[in-house]
């Protein structure tokens, strides 16, 4: 599944990083603690968080995530969107809580699970 498929299936907002919408998605990871994400997210996963500052894009780039989804209707800081564009990592948004969007992502990626 591509990031663009997730955008369509989950009605996500694309804030920036459109060049990465063709990235393959291998799974998901939900956390708001940057050190936790650095230690546990895998390449190709979608990272779900409520963090909106620029440092999330540094971690996303370091770990080569497929995309970052911001929850609860939060919007990224301007410099976060610039970094997303420069890194080619889609920065997406939803009004849903982390719990709900995580469940929906899981169902999309594991239709029988």
Protein backbone atom coordinates (compact mmCIF):
# COMPACT_ATOMS: atom_id res chain seq x y z
CA UNK A 1 0.00 0.00 0.00
CA UNK A 2 1.23 3.50 -0.84
CA UNK A 3 0.96 6.60 1.35
CA UNK A 4 -1.41 8.06 -1.25
CA UNK A 5 -3.73 5.07 -0.69
CA UNK A 6 -3.80 5.84 3.04
CA UNK A 7 -4.61 9.49 2.32
CA UNK A 8 -7.61 8.42 0.27
CA UNK A 9 -8.81 5.56 2.49
CA UNK A 10 -8.46 7.47 5.77
CA UNK A 11 -9.45 10.93 4.44
CA UNK A 12 -6.18 12.44 5.61
CA UNK A 13 -5.07 16.03 5.03
CA UNK A 14 -1.75 16.43 3.20
CA UNK A 15 0.13 19.35 4.75
CA UNK A 16 3.43 18.89 2.89
CA UNK A 17 5.89 16.37 1.50
CA UNK A 18 3.74 15.46 -1.49
CA UNK A 19 6.79 14.04 -3.29
CA UNK A 20 6.70 11.09 -0.88
CA UNK A 21 3.09 10.07 -1.46
CA UNK A 22 4.34 7.13 -3.52
CA UNK A 23 6.29 5.64 -0.57
CA UNK A 24 5.37 2.07 0.33
CA UNK A 25 3.85 1.59 3.78
CA UNK A 26 5.02 -1.44 5.76
CA UNK A 27 3.24 -0.77 9.06
CA UNK A 28 2.57 1.85 11.67
CA UNK A 29 3.94 3.13 14.96
CA UNK A 30 2.18 5.39 17.47
CA UNK A 31 4.18 7.40 19.99
CA UNK A 32 4.75 10.98 21.11
CA UNK A 33 8.15 10.39 22.68
CA UNK A 34 10.92 11.11 20.16
CA UNK A 35 13.45 8.81 21.84
CA UNK A 36 10.91 5.97 21.77
CA UNK A 37 10.31 6.48 18.06
CA UNK A 38 14.04 6.65 17.34
CA UNK A 39 14.51 3.33 19.10
CA UNK A 40 11.50 1.46 17.79
CA UNK A 41 9.96 2.70 14.53
CA UNK A 42 10.97 0.76 11.44
CA UNK A 43 11.76 2.03 7.96
CA UNK A 44 8.62 2.32 5.86
CA UNK A 45 6.22 2.60 8.77
CA UNK A 46 3.77 5.47 9.25
CA UNK A 47 4.39 7.37 12.47
CA UNK A 48 1.30 8.64 14.33
CA UNK A 49 1.88 11.48 16.82
CA UNK A 50 0.54 14.69 18.33
CA UNK A 51 3.95 16.38 18.12
CA UNK A 52 3.98 19.23 15.59
CA UNK A 53 7.48 20.74 15.89
CA UNK A 54 10.34 20.46 13.43
CA UNK A 55 12.19 17.77 15.39
CA UNK A 56 9.64 15.17 14.31
CA UNK A 57 10.87 15.52 10.74
CA UNK A 58 14.48 14.98 11.83
CA UNK A 59 13.46 11.71 13.50
CA UNK A 60 11.24 10.74 10.55
CA UNK A 61 14.13 11.29 8.15
CA UNK A 62 16.66 9.48 10.34
CA UNK A 63 14.38 6.43 10.59
CA UNK A 64 13.14 6.68 6.98
CA UNK A 65 9.46 6.49 7.85
CA UNK A 66 6.94 6.51 5.00
CA UNK A 67 4.88 9.39 6.47
CA UNK A 68 3.90 11.17 9.67
CA UNK A 69 0.25 11.55 10.73
CA UNK A 70 -0.68 14.33 13.16
CA UNK A 71 -3.78 13.61 15.25
CA UNK A 72 -6.61 15.55 16.94
CA UNK A 73 -6.81 18.21 14.23
CA UNK A 74 -3.37 19.54 15.11
CA UNK A 75 -1.49 21.47 12.45
CA UNK A 76 2.28 21.45 11.97
CA UNK A 77 4.51 24.43 12.59
CA UNK A 78 5.61 26.24 9.43
CA UNK A 79 9.22 25.06 9.75
CA UNK A 80 7.98 21.49 10.19
CA UNK A 81 6.22 21.69 6.82
CA UNK A 82 9.36 23.12 5.20
CA UNK A 83 11.41 20.24 6.59
CA UNK A 84 8.78 17.73 5.42
CA UNK A 85 8.97 19.15 1.91
CA UNK A 86 12.78 19.10 1.91
CA UNK A 87 12.91 15.50 3.16
CA UNK A 88 10.11 14.28 0.86
CA UNK A 89 8.30 12.72 3.79
CA UNK A 90 4.54 13.36 3.75
CA UNK A 91 3.18 15.22 6.76
CA UNK A 92 -0.47 14.26 7.10
CA UNK A 93 -3.28 15.14 9.46
CA UNK A 94 -6.54 13.82 10.88
CA UNK A 95 -9.11 15.02 13.39
CA UNK A 96 -9.20 11.55 14.94
CA UNK A 97 -7.51 10.58 18.20
CA UNK A 98 -4.31 8.51 18.00
CA UNK A 99 -6.15 5.40 19.23
CA UNK A 100 -8.75 5.55 16.46
CA UNK A 101 -6.45 6.36 13.55
CA UNK A 102 -4.04 3.65 14.73
CA UNK A 103 -6.87 1.12 14.65
CA UNK A 104 -8.02 2.20 11.22
CA UNK A 105 -4.47 2.03 9.87
CA UNK A 106 -4.06 -1.45 11.34
CA UNK A 107 -7.31 -2.61 9.68
CA UNK A 108 -6.20 -1.28 6.30
CA UNK A 109 -2.82 -2.96 6.49
CA UNK A 110 -4.15 -6.22 8.01
CA UNK A 111 -7.61 -6.74 6.50
CA UNK A 112 -7.95 -10.24 7.96
CA UNK A 113 -6.54 -9.37 11.37
